[in-house]
Amino acid sequence: MPQWFIRGLRRGVVTTRYPARPEPSARDLPGPPAFRAGALSRHAADALVQVCPSRALTRSEDVLVFDAGACTVAGWCREHSPEAVAPGSEFELATTTRQALLKRIPLIDDPEAGP
């Protein structure tokens, strides 16, 4: 656990300044998944939507919508489809708008769907 957080708890500090330098333990934190657009079909996207426990994934037409603000980094999407989902390294997701947390991943044509 970051040391600045523990110090704040001991001192009874409710808010703290953002750390002046990167926290060494941050490199071990899991980040939201990274999706490989070229490997995601509609069929694969529908399967990922079904396995996501936090409902951070939805499909809209030919786009997989990933809500990074709702993601709990459970890793089920990566376990279910490792060819299309990679571990993410981004864990600092501060933004001024909620819309900036929504990522739209284009889907490829389903090879299994047929003509």
PDB file of N, CA and C in Angstrom:
ATOM      1  N   MET A   1       0.856  -1.173   0.000  1.00  0.00           N
ATOM      2  CA  MET A   1       0.000   0.000   0.000  1.00  0.00           C
ATOM      3  C   MET A   1       0.898   1.230   0.000  1.00  0.00           C
ATOM      4  N   PRO A   2       0.540   2.234  -0.800  1.00  0.00           N
ATOM      5  CA  PRO A   2       1.390   3.425  -0.865  1.00  0.00           C
ATOM      6  C   PRO A   2       1.604   4.048   0.510  1.00  0.00           C
ATOM      7  N   GLN A   3       2.844   4.436   0.749  1.00  0.00           N
ATOM      8  CA  GLN A   3       3.221   4.990   2.051  1.00  0.00           C
ATOM      9  C   GLN A   3       2.514   6.308   2.353  1.00  0.00           C
ATOM     10  N   TRP A   4       2.306   7.155   1.344  1.00  0.00           N
ATOM     11  CA  TRP A   4       1.644   8.431   1.600  1.00  0.00           C
ATOM     12  C   TRP A   4       0.218   8.222   2.089  1.00  0.00           C
ATOM     13  N   PHE A   5      -0.426   7.160   1.635  1.00  0.00           N
ATOM     14  CA  PHE A   5      -1.785   6.849   2.067  1.00  0.00           C
ATOM     15  C   PHE A   5      -1.792   6.429   3.541  1.00  0.00           C
ATOM     16  N   ILE A   6      -0.862   5.574   3.909  1.00  0.00           N
ATOM     17  CA  ILE A   6      -0.768   5.102   5.298  1.00  0.00           C
ATOM     18  C   ILE A   6      -0.438   6.259   6.237  1.00  0.00           C
ATOM     19  N   ARG A   7       0.500   7.127   5.829  1.00  0.00           N
ATOM     20  CA  ARG A   7       0.829   8.303   6.655  1.00  0.00           C
ATOM     21  C   ARG A   7      -0.395   9.171   6.872  1.00  0.00           C
ATOM     22  N   GLY A   8      -1.180   9.365   5.830  1.00  0.00           N
ATOM     23  CA  GLY A   8      -2.382  10.182   5.940  1.00  0.00           C
ATOM     24  C   GLY A   8      -3.388   9.583   6.910  1.00  0.00           C
ATOM     25  N   LEU A   9      -3.546   8.271   6.870  1.00  0.00           N
ATOM     26  CA  LEU A   9      -4.467   7.612   7.795  1.00  0.00           C
ATOM     27  C   LEU A   9      -4.012   7.786   9.241  1.00  0.00           C
ATOM     28  N   ARG A  10      -2.726   7.636   9.467  1.00  0.00           N
ATOM     29  CA  ARG A  10      -2.196   7.785  10.828  1.00  0.00           C
ATOM     30  C   ARG A  10      -2.402   9.196  11.366  1.00  0.00           C
ATOM     31  N   ARG A  11      -2.260  10.181  10.501  1.00  0.00           N
ATOM     32  CA  ARG A  11      -2.390  11.582  10.915  1.00  0.00           C
ATOM     33  C   ARG A  11      -3.835  12.069  10.904  1.00  0.00           C
ATOM     34  N   GLY A  12      -4.746  11.245  10.427  1.00  0.00           N
ATOM     35  CA  GLY A  12      -6.141  11.647  10.357  1.00  0.00           C
ATOM     36  C   GLY A  12      -6.437  12.579   9.194  1.00  0.00           C
ATOM     37  N   VAL A  13      -5.584  12.554   8.172  1.00  0.00           N
ATOM     38  CA  VAL A  13      -5.773  13.415   7.014  1.00  0.00           C
ATOM     39  C   VAL A  13      -6.824  12.786   6.101  1.00  0.00           C
ATOM     40  N   VAL A  14      -7.804  13.591   5.731  1.00  0.00           N
ATOM     41  CA  VAL A  14      -8.873  13.085   4.871  1.00  0.00           C
ATOM     42  C   VAL A  14      -8.469  13.176   3.409  1.00  0.00           C
ATOM     43  N   THR A  15      -7.802  14.240   3.028  1.00  0.00           N
ATOM     44  CA  THR A  15      -7.324  14.384   1.649  1.00  0.00           C
ATOM     45  C   THR A  15      -5.825  14.624   1.668  1.00  0.00           C
ATOM     46  N   THR A  16      -5.177  14.225   0.604  1.00  0.00           N
ATOM     47  CA  THR A  16      -3.732  14.435   0.498  1.00  0.00           C
ATOM     48  C   THR A  16      -3.410  14.999  -0.872  1.00  0.00           C
ATOM     49  N   ARG A  17      -2.236  15.598  -0.995  1.00  0.00           N
ATOM     50  CA  ARG A  17      -1.771  16.043  -2.303  1.00  0.00           C
ATOM     51  C   ARG A  17      -1.393  14.823  -3.125  1.00  0.00           C
ATOM     52  N   TYR A  18      -1.438  15.003  -4.412  1.00  0.00           N
ATOM     53  CA  TYR A  18      -1.008  13.931  -5.302  1.00  0.00           C
ATOM     54  C   TYR A  18       0.489  13.722  -5.084  1.00  0.00           C
ATOM     55  N   PRO A  19       0.967  12.491  -5.059  1.00  0.00           N
ATOM     56  CA  PRO A  19       2.402  12.240  -4.808  1.00  0.00           C
ATOM     57  C   PRO A  19       3.297  12.987  -5.798  1.00  0.00           C
ATOM     58  N   ALA A  20       4.397  13.494  -5.301  1.00  0.00           N
ATOM     59  CA  ALA A  20       5.332  14.269  -6.121  1.00  0.00           C
ATOM     60  C   ALA A  20       6.076  13.393  -7.120  1.00  0.00           C
ATOM     61  N   ARG A  21       6.232  12.130  -6.828  1.00  0.00           N
ATOM     62  CA  ARG A  21       6.925  11.215  -7.742  1.00  0.00           C
ATOM     63  C   ARG A  21       6.147   9.896  -7.788  1.00  0.00           C
ATOM     64  N   PRO A  22       6.368   9.122  -8.820  1.00  0.00           N
ATOM     65  CA  PRO A  22       5.620   7.862  -8.949  1.00  0.00           C
ATOM     66  C   PRO A  22       5.841   6.941  -7.746  1.00  0.00           C
ATOM     67  N   GLU A  23       4.794   6.299  -7.329  1.00  0.00           N
ATOM     68  CA  GLU A  23       4.852   5.349  -6.219  1.00  0.00           C
ATOM     69  C   GLU A  23       5.449   4.037  -6.735  1.00  0.00           C
ATOM     70  N   PRO A  24       6.544   3.543  -6.138  1.00  0.00           N
ATOM     71  CA  PRO A  24       7.169   2.310  -6.627  1.00  0.00           C
ATOM     72  C   PRO A  24       6.212   1.109  -6.655  1.00  0.00           C
ATOM     73  N   SER A  25       5.299   1.037  -5.703  1.00  0.00           N
ATOM     74  CA  SER A  25       4.402  -0.121  -5.671  1.00  0.00           C
ATOM     75  C   SER A  25       3.366  -0.078  -6.787  1.00  0.00           C
ATOM     76  N   ALA A  26       3.215   1.053  -7.476  1.00  0.00           N
ATOM     77  CA  ALA A  26       2.212   1.184  -8.529  1.00  0.00           C
ATOM     78  C   ALA A  26       2.497   0.256  -9.699  1.00  0.00           C
ATOM     79  N   ARG A  27       3.758  -0.082  -9.925  1.00  0.00           N
ATOM     80  CA  ARG A  27       4.071  -0.956 -11.060  1.00  0.00           C
ATOM     81  C   ARG A  27       3.477  -2.351 -10.890  1.00  0.00           C
ATOM     82  N   ASP A  28       3.105  -2.724  -9.657  1.00  0.00           N
ATOM     83  CA  ASP A  28       2.532  -4.041  -9.399  1.00  0.00           C
ATOM     84  C   ASP A  28       1.005  -4.049  -9.435  1.00  0.00           C
ATOM     85  N   LEU A  29       0.404  -2.862  -9.587  1.00  0.00           N
ATOM     86  CA  LEU A  29      -1.051  -2.785  -9.608  1.00  0.00           C
ATOM     87  C   LEU A  29      -1.593  -3.216 -10.969  1.00  0.00           C
ATOM     88  N   PRO A  30      -2.672  -3.991 -10.990  1.00  0.00           N
ATOM     89  CA  PRO A  30      -3.258  -4.331 -12.288  1.00  0.00           C
ATOM     90  C   PRO A  30      -3.996  -3.125 -12.848  1.00  0.00           C
ATOM     91  N   GLY A  31      -3.982  -2.995 -14.138  1.00  0.00           N
ATOM     92  CA  GLY A  31      -4.699  -1.906 -14.786  1.00  0.00           C
ATOM     93  C   GLY A  31      -5.868  -2.454 -15.579  1.00  0.00           C
ATOM     94  N   PRO A  32      -6.744  -1.588 -16.035  1.00  0.00           N
ATOM     95  CA  PRO A  32      -7.852  -2.033 -16.869  1.00  0.00           C
ATOM     96  C   PRO A  32      -7.320  -2.739 -18.115  1.00  0.00           C
ATOM     97  N   PRO A  33      -8.090  -3.630 -18.685  1.00  0.00           N
ATOM     98  CA  PRO A  33      -7.615  -4.382 -19.848  1.00  0.00           C
ATOM     99  C   PRO A  33      -7.401  -3.503 -21.075  1.00  0.00           C
ATOM    100  N   ALA A  34      -6.540  -3.975 -21.950  1.00  0.00           N
ATOM    101  CA  ALA A  34      -6.317  -3.337 -23.249  1.00  0.00           C
ATOM    102  C   ALA A  34      -6.881  -4.293 -24.302  1.00  0.00           C
ATOM    103  N   PHE A  35      -7.713  -3.788 -25.171  1.00  0.00           N
ATOM    104  CA  PHE A  35      -8.380  -4.631 -26.168  1.00  0.00           C
ATOM    105  C   PHE A  35      -7.688  -4.511 -27.511  1.00  0.00           C
ATOM    106  N   ARG A  36      -7.514  -5.646 -28.188  1.00  0.00           N
ATOM    107  CA  ARG A  36      -6.914  -5.688 -29.528  1.00  0.00           C
ATOM    108  C   ARG A  36      -8.053  -5.664 -30.547  1.00  0.00           C
ATOM    109  N   ALA A  37      -8.241  -4.520 -31.157  1.00  0.00           N
ATOM    110  CA  ALA A  37      -9.370  -4.344 -32.070  1.00  0.00           C
ATOM    111  C   ALA A  37      -9.357  -5.355 -33.208  1.00  0.00           C
ATOM    112  N   GLY A  38      -8.219  -5.685 -33.739  1.00  0.00           N
ATOM    113  CA  GLY A  38      -8.140  -6.618 -34.867  1.00  0.00           C
ATOM    114  C   GLY A  38      -8.496  -8.049 -34.518  1.00  0.00           C
ATOM    115  N   ALA A  39      -8.687  -8.349 -33.241  1.00  0.00           N
ATOM    116  CA  ALA A  39      -8.998  -9.716 -32.813  1.00  0.00           C
ATOM    117  C   ALA A  39     -10.409  -9.847 -32.249  1.00  0.00           C
ATOM    118  N   LEU A  40     -11.181  -8.776 -32.277  1.00  0.00           N
ATOM    119  CA  LEU A  40     -12.517  -8.810 -31.681  1.00  0.00           C
ATOM    120  C   LEU A  40     -13.612  -8.839 -32.735  1.00  0.00           C
ATOM    121  N   SER A  41     -14.343  -9.944 -32.774  1.00  0.00           N
ATOM    122  CA  SER A  41     -15.511 -10.055 -33.643  1.00  0.00           C
ATOM    123  C   SER A  41     -16.758  -9.751 -32.819  1.00  0.00           C
ATOM    124  N   ARG A  42     -17.895  -9.649 -33.486  1.00  0.00           N
ATOM    125  CA  ARG A  42     -19.149  -9.424 -32.753  1.00  0.00           C
ATOM    126  C   ARG A  42     -19.419 -10.588 -31.800  1.00  0.00           C
ATOM    127  N   HIS A  43     -19.161 -11.783 -32.267  1.00  0.00           N
ATOM    128  CA  HIS A  43     -19.374 -12.975 -31.440  1.00  0.00           C
ATOM    129  C   HIS A  43     -18.483 -12.934 -30.190  1.00  0.00           C
ATOM    130  N   ALA A  44     -17.210 -12.619 -30.376  1.00  0.00           N
ATOM    131  CA  ALA A  44     -16.277 -12.535 -29.239  1.00  0.00           C
ATOM    132  C   ALA A  44     -16.676 -11.398 -28.296  1.00  0.00           C
ATOM    133  N   ALA A  45     -17.112 -10.269 -28.851  1.00  0.00           N
ATOM    134  CA  ALA A  45     -17.528  -9.138 -28.021  1.00  0.00           C
ATOM    135  C   ALA A  45     -18.747  -9.501 -27.177  1.00  0.00           C
ATOM    136  N   ASP A  46     -19.706 -10.205 -27.772  1.00  0.00           N
ATOM    137  CA  ASP A  46     -20.894 -10.625 -27.019  1.00  0.00           C
ATOM    138  C   ASP A  46     -20.516 -11.556 -25.872  1.00  0.00           C
ATOM    139  N   ALA A  47     -19.546 -12.433 -26.117  1.00  0.00           N
ATOM    140  CA  ALA A  47     -19.091 -13.347 -25.059  1.00  0.00           C
ATOM    141  C   ALA A  47     -18.412 -12.564 -23.931  1.00  0.00           C
ATOM    142  N   LEU A  48     -17.633 -11.551 -24.277  1.00  0.00           N
ATOM    143  CA  LEU A  48     -16.964 -10.742 -23.255  1.00  0.00           C
ATOM    144  C   LEU A  48     -17.982  -9.951 -22.431  1.00  0.00           C
ATOM    145  N   VAL A  49     -19.006  -9.444 -23.084  1.00  0.00           N
ATOM    146  CA  VAL A  49     -20.063  -8.710 -22.369  1.00  0.00           C
ATOM    147  C   VAL A  49     -20.709  -9.630 -21.333  1.00  0.00           C
ATOM    148  N   GLN A  50     -20.909 -10.892 -21.693  1.00  0.00           N
ATOM    149  CA  GLN A  50     -21.551 -11.846 -20.791  1.00  0.00           C
ATOM    150  C   GLN A  50     -20.697 -12.197 -19.578  1.00  0.00           C
ATOM    151  N   VAL A  51     -19.372 -12.249 -19.732  1.00  0.00           N
ATOM    152  CA  VAL A  51     -18.520 -12.666 -18.613  1.00  0.00           C
ATOM    153  C   VAL A  51     -18.096 -11.521 -17.699  1.00  0.00           C
ATOM    154  N   CYS A  52     -18.299 -10.269 -18.114  1.00  0.00           N
ATOM    155  CA  CYS A  52     -17.848  -9.126 -17.309  1.00  0.00           C
ATOM    156  C   CYS A  52     -18.729  -8.960 -16.071  1.00  0.00           C
ATOM    157  N   PRO A  53     -18.164  -9.164 -14.864  1.00  0.00           N
ATOM    158  CA  PRO A  53     -18.980  -9.067 -13.646  1.00  0.00           C
ATOM    159  C   PRO A  53     -19.381  -7.638 -13.277  1.00  0.00           C
ATOM    160  N   SER A  54     -18.651  -6.645 -13.763  1.00  0.00           N
ATOM    161  CA  SER A  54     -18.960  -5.260 -13.400  1.00  0.00           C
ATOM    162  C   SER A  54     -19.804  -4.548 -14.458  1.00  0.00           C
ATOM    163  N   ARG A  55     -20.140  -5.253 -15.520  1.00  0.00           N
ATOM    164  CA  ARG A  55     -20.932  -4.700 -16.623  1.00  0.00           C
ATOM    165  C   ARG A  55     -20.256  -3.485 -17.260  1.00  0.00           C
ATOM    166  N   ALA A  56     -18.937  -3.545 -17.322  1.00  0.00           N
ATOM    167  CA  ALA A  56     -18.163  -2.454 -17.922  1.00  0.00           C
ATOM    168  C   ALA A  56     -18.108  -2.579 -19.441  1.00  0.00           C
ATOM    169  N   LEU A  57     -18.601  -3.678 -19.982  1.00  0.00           N
ATOM    170  CA  LEU A  57     -18.578  -3.909 -21.419  1.00  0.00           C
ATOM    171  C   LEU A  57     -19.995  -3.981 -21.971  1.00  0.00           C
ATOM    172  N   THR A  58     -20.224  -3.306 -23.071  1.00  0.00           N
ATOM    173  CA  THR A  58     -21.478  -3.400 -23.811  1.00  0.00           C
ATOM    174  C   THR A  58     -21.132  -3.394 -25.287  1.00  0.00           C
ATOM    175  N   ARG A  59     -22.058  -3.890 -26.103  1.00  0.00           N
ATOM    176  CA  ARG A  59     -21.836  -3.849 -27.556  1.00  0.00           C
ATOM    177  C   ARG A  59     -22.904  -2.986 -28.184  1.00  0.00           C
ATOM    178  N   SER A  60     -22.473  -2.110 -29.064  1.00  0.00           N
ATOM    179  CA  SER A  60     -23.370  -1.248 -29.811  1.00  0.00           C
ATOM    180  C   SER A  60     -23.020  -1.386 -31.284  1.00  0.00           C
ATOM    181  N   GLU A  61     -23.865  -2.127 -32.025  1.00  0.00           N
ATOM    182  CA  GLU A  61     -23.608  -2.383 -33.444  1.00  0.00           C
ATOM    183  C   GLU A  61     -22.243  -3.056 -33.611  1.00  0.00           C
ATOM    184  N   ASP A  62     -21.345  -2.408 -34.338  1.00  0.00           N
ATOM    185  CA  ASP A  62     -20.021  -2.969 -34.620  1.00  0.00           C
ATOM    186  C   ASP A  62     -18.937  -2.371 -33.737  1.00  0.00           C
ATOM    187  N   VAL A  63     -19.300  -2.022 -32.494  1.00  0.00           N
ATOM    188  CA  VAL A  63     -18.354  -1.406 -31.560  1.00  0.00           C
ATOM    189  C   VAL A  63     -18.533  -2.042 -30.179  1.00  0.00           C
ATOM    190  N   LEU A  64     -17.423  -2.394 -29.552  1.00  0.00           N
ATOM    191  CA  LEU A  64     -17.433  -2.815 -28.151  1.00  0.00           C
ATOM    192  C   LEU A  64     -17.160  -1.567 -27.329  1.00  0.00           C
ATOM    193  N   VAL A  65     -18.051  -1.255 -26.399  1.00  0.00           N
ATOM    194  CA  VAL A  65     -17.890  -0.072 -25.563  1.00  0.00           C
ATOM    195  C   VAL A  65     -17.365  -0.528 -24.202  1.00  0.00           C
ATOM    196  N   PHE A  66     -16.195  -0.013 -23.834  1.00  0.00           N
ATOM    197  CA  PHE A  66     -15.551  -0.349 -22.570  1.00  0.00           C
ATOM    198  C   PHE A  66     -15.618   0.853 -21.654  1.00  0.00           C
ATOM    199  N   ASP A  67     -16.258   0.701 -20.507  1.00  0.00           N
ATOM    200  CA  ASP A  67     -16.372   1.765 -19.513  1.00  0.00           C
ATOM    201  C   ASP A  67     -15.268   1.555 -18.468  1.00  0.00           C
ATOM    202  N   ALA A  68     -14.170   2.274 -18.633  1.00  0.00           N
ATOM    203  CA  ALA A  68     -13.029   2.124 -17.720  1.00  0.00           C
ATOM    204  C   ALA A  68     -13.383   2.558 -16.306  1.00  0.00           C
ATOM    205  N   GLY A  69     -14.372   3.418 -16.152  1.00  0.00           N
ATOM    206  CA  GLY A  69     -14.801   3.860 -14.825  1.00  0.00           C
ATOM    207  C   GLY A  69     -15.577   2.801 -14.071  1.00  0.00           C
ATOM    208  N   ALA A  70     -16.185   1.866 -14.781  1.00  0.00           N
ATOM    209  CA  ALA A  70     -16.954   0.794 -14.145  1.00  0.00           C
ATOM    210  C   ALA A  70     -16.140  -0.485 -13.967  1.00  0.00           C
ATOM    211  N   CYS A  71     -15.021  -0.590 -14.669  1.00  0.00           N
ATOM    212  CA  CYS A  71     -14.206  -1.809 -14.638  1.00  0.00           C
ATOM    213  C   CYS A  71     -13.592  -2.025 -13.254  1.00  0.00           C
ATOM    214  N   THR A  72     -13.722  -3.242 -12.749  1.00  0.00           N
ATOM    215  CA  THR A  72     -13.131  -3.596 -11.457  1.00  0.00           C
ATOM    216  C   THR A  72     -11.855  -4.409 -11.618  1.00  0.00           C
ATOM    217  N   VAL A  73     -11.385  -4.569 -12.834  1.00  0.00           N
ATOM    218  CA  VAL A  73     -10.158  -5.296 -13.167  1.00  0.00           C
ATOM    219  C   VAL A  73     -10.223  -6.734 -12.634  1.00  0.00           C
ATOM    220  N   ALA A  74     -11.368  -7.363 -12.813  1.00  0.00           N
ATOM    221  CA  ALA A  74     -11.541  -8.747 -12.374  1.00  0.00           C
ATOM    222  C   ALA A  74     -10.700  -9.703 -13.212  1.00  0.00           C
ATOM    223  N   GLY A  75     -10.456  -9.357 -14.466  1.00  0.00           N
ATOM    224  CA  GLY A  75      -9.625 -10.191 -15.337  1.00  0.00           C
ATOM    225  C   GLY A  75     -10.370 -11.294 -16.056  1.00  0.00           C
ATOM    226  N   TRP A  76     -11.669 -11.362 -15.902  1.00  0.00           N
ATOM    227  CA  TRP A  76     -12.439 -12.434 -16.546  1.00  0.00           C
ATOM    228  C   TRP A  76     -12.411 -12.300 -18.060  1.00  0.00           C
ATOM    229  N   CYS A  77     -12.412 -11.070 -18.557  1.00  0.00           N
ATOM    230  CA  CYS A  77     -12.362 -10.873 -20.007  1.00  0.00           C
ATOM    231  C   CYS A  77     -11.037 -11.396 -20.565  1.00  0.00           C
ATOM    232  N   ARG A  78      -9.962 -11.140 -19.865  1.00  0.00           N
ATOM    233  CA  ARG A  78      -8.645 -11.594 -20.319  1.00  0.00           C
ATOM    234  C   ARG A  78      -8.539 -13.110 -20.262  1.00  0.00           C
ATOM    235  N   GLU A  79      -9.102 -13.717 -19.208  1.00  0.00           N
ATOM    236  CA  GLU A  79      -9.095 -15.180 -19.106  1.00  0.00           C
ATOM    237  C   GLU A  79      -9.934 -15.819 -20.214  1.00  0.00           C
ATOM    238  N   HIS A  80     -11.058 -15.185 -20.535  1.00  0.00           N
ATOM    239  CA  HIS A  80     -11.979 -15.740 -21.525  1.00  0.00           C
ATOM    240  C   HIS A  80     -11.453 -15.593 -22.953  1.00  0.00           C
ATOM    241  N   SER A  81     -10.766 -14.500 -23.232  1.00  0.00           N
ATOM    242  CA  SER A  81     -10.322 -14.224 -24.593  1.00  0.00           C
ATOM    243  C   SER A  81      -8.923 -13.607 -24.616  1.00  0.00           C
ATOM    244  N   PRO A  82      -7.891 -14.401 -24.265  1.00  0.00           N
ATOM    245  CA  PRO A  82      -6.532 -13.850 -24.183  1.00  0.00           C
ATOM    246  C   PRO A  82      -5.986 -13.347 -25.519  1.00  0.00           C
ATOM    247  N   GLU A  83      -6.524 -13.836 -26.635  1.00  0.00           N
ATOM    248  CA  GLU A  83      -6.056 -13.370 -27.942  1.00  0.00           C
ATOM    249  C   GLU A  83      -6.557 -11.955 -28.259  1.00  0.00           C
ATOM    250  N   ALA A  84      -7.632 -11.535 -27.598  1.00  0.00           N
ATOM    251  CA  ALA A  84      -8.223 -10.221 -27.875  1.00  0.00           C
ATOM    252  C   ALA A  84      -8.047  -9.222 -26.732  1.00  0.00           C
ATOM    253  N   VAL A  85      -7.685  -9.715 -25.549  1.00  0.00           N
ATOM    254  CA  VAL A  85      -7.581  -8.837 -24.377  1.00  0.00           C
ATOM    255  C   VAL A  85      -6.207  -9.017 -23.736  1.00  0.00           C
ATOM    256  N   ALA A  86      -5.513  -7.917 -23.568  1.00  0.00           N
ATOM    257  CA  ALA A  86      -4.180  -7.950 -22.960  1.00  0.00           C
ATOM    258  C   ALA A  86      -4.226  -7.233 -21.613  1.00  0.00           C
ATOM    259  N   PRO A  87      -3.280  -7.544 -20.727  1.00  0.00           N
ATOM    260  CA  PRO A  87      -3.228  -6.794 -19.475  1.00  0.00           C
ATOM    261  C   PRO A  87      -2.903  -5.336 -19.779  1.00  0.00           C
ATOM    262  N   GLY A  88      -3.597  -4.445 -19.115  1.00  0.00           N
ATOM    263  CA  GLY A  88      -3.351  -3.029 -19.329  1.00  0.00           C
ATOM    264  C   GLY A  88      -2.333  -2.498 -18.342  1.00  0.00           C
ATOM    265  N   SER A  89      -1.642  -1.457 -18.735  1.00  0.00           N
ATOM    266  CA  SER A  89      -0.650  -0.861 -17.836  1.00  0.00           C
ATOM    267  C   SER A  89      -1.106   0.498 -17.330  1.00  0.00           C
ATOM    268  N   GLU A  90      -2.221   0.986 -17.832  1.00  0.00           N
ATOM    269  CA  GLU A  90      -2.725   2.295 -17.421  1.00  0.00           C
ATOM    270  C   GLU A  90      -3.592   2.136 -16.177  1.00  0.00           C
ATOM    271  N   PHE A  91      -3.173   2.761 -15.076  1.00  0.00           N
ATOM    272  CA  PHE A  91      -3.994   2.659 -13.874  1.00  0.00           C
ATOM    273  C   PHE A  91      -4.423   4.024 -13.359  1.00  0.00           C
ATOM    274  N   GLU A  92      -3.846   5.079 -13.860  1.00  0.00           N
ATOM    275  CA  GLU A  92      -4.259   6.412 -13.467  1.00  0.00           C
ATOM    276  C   GLU A  92      -5.249   6.920 -14.512  1.00  0.00           C
ATOM    277  N   LEU A  93      -6.506   6.971 -14.133  1.00  0.00           N
ATOM    278  CA  LEU A  93      -7.553   7.285 -15.091  1.00  0.00           C
ATOM    279  C   LEU A  93      -8.267   8.594 -14.767  1.00  0.00           C
ATOM    280  N   ALA A  94      -7.576   9.538 -14.166  1.00  0.00           N
ATOM    281  CA  ALA A  94      -8.200  10.811 -13.817  1.00  0.00           C
ATOM    282  C   ALA A  94      -8.627  11.540 -15.089  1.00  0.00           C
ATOM    283  N   THR A  95      -9.822  12.081 -15.066  1.00  0.00           N
ATOM    284  CA  THR A  95     -10.346  12.819 -16.203  1.00  0.00           C
ATOM    285  C   THR A  95     -11.336  13.862 -15.705  1.00  0.00           C
ATOM    286  N   THR A  96     -11.597  14.830 -16.531  1.00  0.00           N
ATOM    287  CA  THR A  96     -12.547  15.868 -16.136  1.00  0.00           C
ATOM    288  C   THR A  96     -13.960  15.572 -16.619  1.00  0.00           C
ATOM    289  N   THR A  97     -14.113  14.566 -17.486  1.00  0.00           N
ATOM    290  CA  THR A  97     -15.440  14.195 -17.963  1.00  0.00           C
ATOM    291  C   THR A  97     -15.642  12.695 -17.877  1.00  0.00           C
ATOM    292  N   ARG A  98     -16.837  12.302 -17.565  1.00  0.00           N
ATOM    293  CA  ARG A  98     -17.184  10.882 -17.487  1.00  0.00           C
ATOM    294  C   ARG A  98     -17.056  10.229 -18.860  1.00  0.00           C
ATOM    295  N   GLN A  99     -17.381  10.978 -19.891  1.00  0.00           N
ATOM    296  CA  GLN A  99     -17.339  10.447 -21.262  1.00  0.00           C
ATOM    297  C   GLN A  99     -15.933   9.995 -21.656  1.00  0.00           C
ATOM    298  N   ALA A 100     -14.908  10.608 -21.088  1.00  0.00           N
ATOM    299  CA  ALA A 100     -13.530  10.251 -21.427  1.00  0.00           C
ATOM    300  C   ALA A 100     -13.163   8.845 -20.948  1.00  0.00           C
ATOM    301  N   LEU A 101     -13.947   8.271 -20.044  1.00  0.00           N
ATOM    302  CA  LEU A 101     -13.683   6.920 -19.553  1.00  0.00           C
ATOM    303  C   LEU A 101     -14.299   5.844 -20.441  1.00  0.00           C
ATOM    304  N   LEU A 102     -15.088   6.252 -21.421  1.00  0.00           N
ATOM    305  CA  LEU A 102     -15.707   5.295 -22.336  1.00  0.00           C
ATOM    306  C   LEU A 102     -14.813   5.113 -23.554  1.00  0.00           C
ATOM    307  N   LYS A 103     -14.384   3.886 -23.775  1.00  0.00           N
ATOM    308  CA  LYS A 103     -13.518   3.558 -24.911  1.00  0.00           C
ATOM    309  C   LYS A 103     -14.342   2.762 -25.925  1.00  0.00           C
ATOM    310  N   ARG A 104     -14.229   3.122 -27.185  1.00  0.00           N
ATOM    311  CA  ARG A 104     -14.976   2.448 -28.245  1.00  0.00           C
ATOM    312  C   ARG A 104     -13.995   1.648 -29.094  1.00  0.00           C
ATOM    313  N   ILE A 105     -14.167   0.316 -29.105  1.00  0.00           N
ATOM    314  CA  ILE A 105     -13.270  -0.574 -29.827  1.00  0.00           C
ATOM    315  C   ILE A 105     -14.008  -1.124 -31.044  1.00  0.00           C
ATOM    316  N   PRO A 106     -13.533  -0.836 -32.267  1.00  0.00           N
ATOM    317  CA  PRO A 106     -14.210  -1.341 -33.465  1.00  0.00           C
ATOM    318  C   PRO A 106     -14.075  -2.859 -33.552  1.00  0.00           C
ATOM    319  N   LEU A 107     -15.126  -3.502 -34.042  1.00  0.00           N
ATOM    320  CA  LEU A 107     -15.150  -4.956 -34.173  1.00  0.00           C
ATOM    321  C   LEU A 107     -14.908  -5.354 -35.625  1.00  0.00           C
ATOM    322  N   ILE A 108     -14.319  -6.535 -35.819  1.00  0.00           N
ATOM    323  CA  ILE A 108     -14.115  -7.065 -37.166  1.00  0.00           C
ATOM    324  C   ILE A 108     -15.330  -7.903 -37.537  1.00  0.00           C
ATOM    325  N   ASP A 109     -15.447  -8.227 -38.814  1.00  0.00           N
ATOM    326  CA  ASP A 109     -16.540  -9.078 -39.274  1.00  0.00           C
ATOM    327  C   ASP A 109     -16.386 -10.461 -38.670  1.00  0.00           C
ATOM    328  N   ASP A 110     -17.516 -11.077 -38.331  1.00  0.00           N
ATOM    329  CA  ASP A 110     -17.518 -12.429 -37.771  1.00  0.00           C
ATOM    330  C   ASP A 110     -17.217 -13.450 -38.846  1.00  0.00           C
ATOM    331  N   PRO A 111     -16.112 -14.198 -38.722  1.00  0.00           N
ATOM    332  CA  PRO A 111     -15.844 -15.238 -39.701  1.00  0.00           C
ATOM    333  C   PRO A 111     -16.853 -16.395 -39.586  1.00  0.00           C
ATOM    334  N   GLU A 112     -17.440 -16.549 -38.396  1.00  0.00           N
ATOM    335  CA  GLU A 112     -18.379 -17.659 -38.161  1.00  0.00           C
ATOM    336  C   GLU A 112     -19.796 -17.304 -38.591  1.00  0.00           C
ATOM    337  N   ALA A 113     -20.071 -16.022 -38.815  1.00  0.00           N
ATOM    338  CA  ALA A 113     -21.435 -15.587 -39.098  1.00  0.00           C
ATOM    339  C   ALA A 113     -21.909 -15.975 -40.487  1.00  0.00           C
ATOM    340  N   GLY A 114     -20.977 -16.046 -41.416  1.00  0.00           N
ATOM    341  CA  GLY A 114     -21.372 -16.400 -42.769  1.00  0.00           C
ATOM    342  C   GLY A 114     -21.933 -15.206 -43.513  1.00  0.00           C
ATOM    343  N   PRO A 115     -22.346 -15.381 -44.788  1.00  0.00           N
ATOM    344  CA  PRO A 115     -22.842 -14.256 -45.578  1.00  0.00           C
ATOM    345  C   PRO A 115     -24.196 -13.784 -45.150  1.00  0.00           C
TER     346      PRO A 115
END
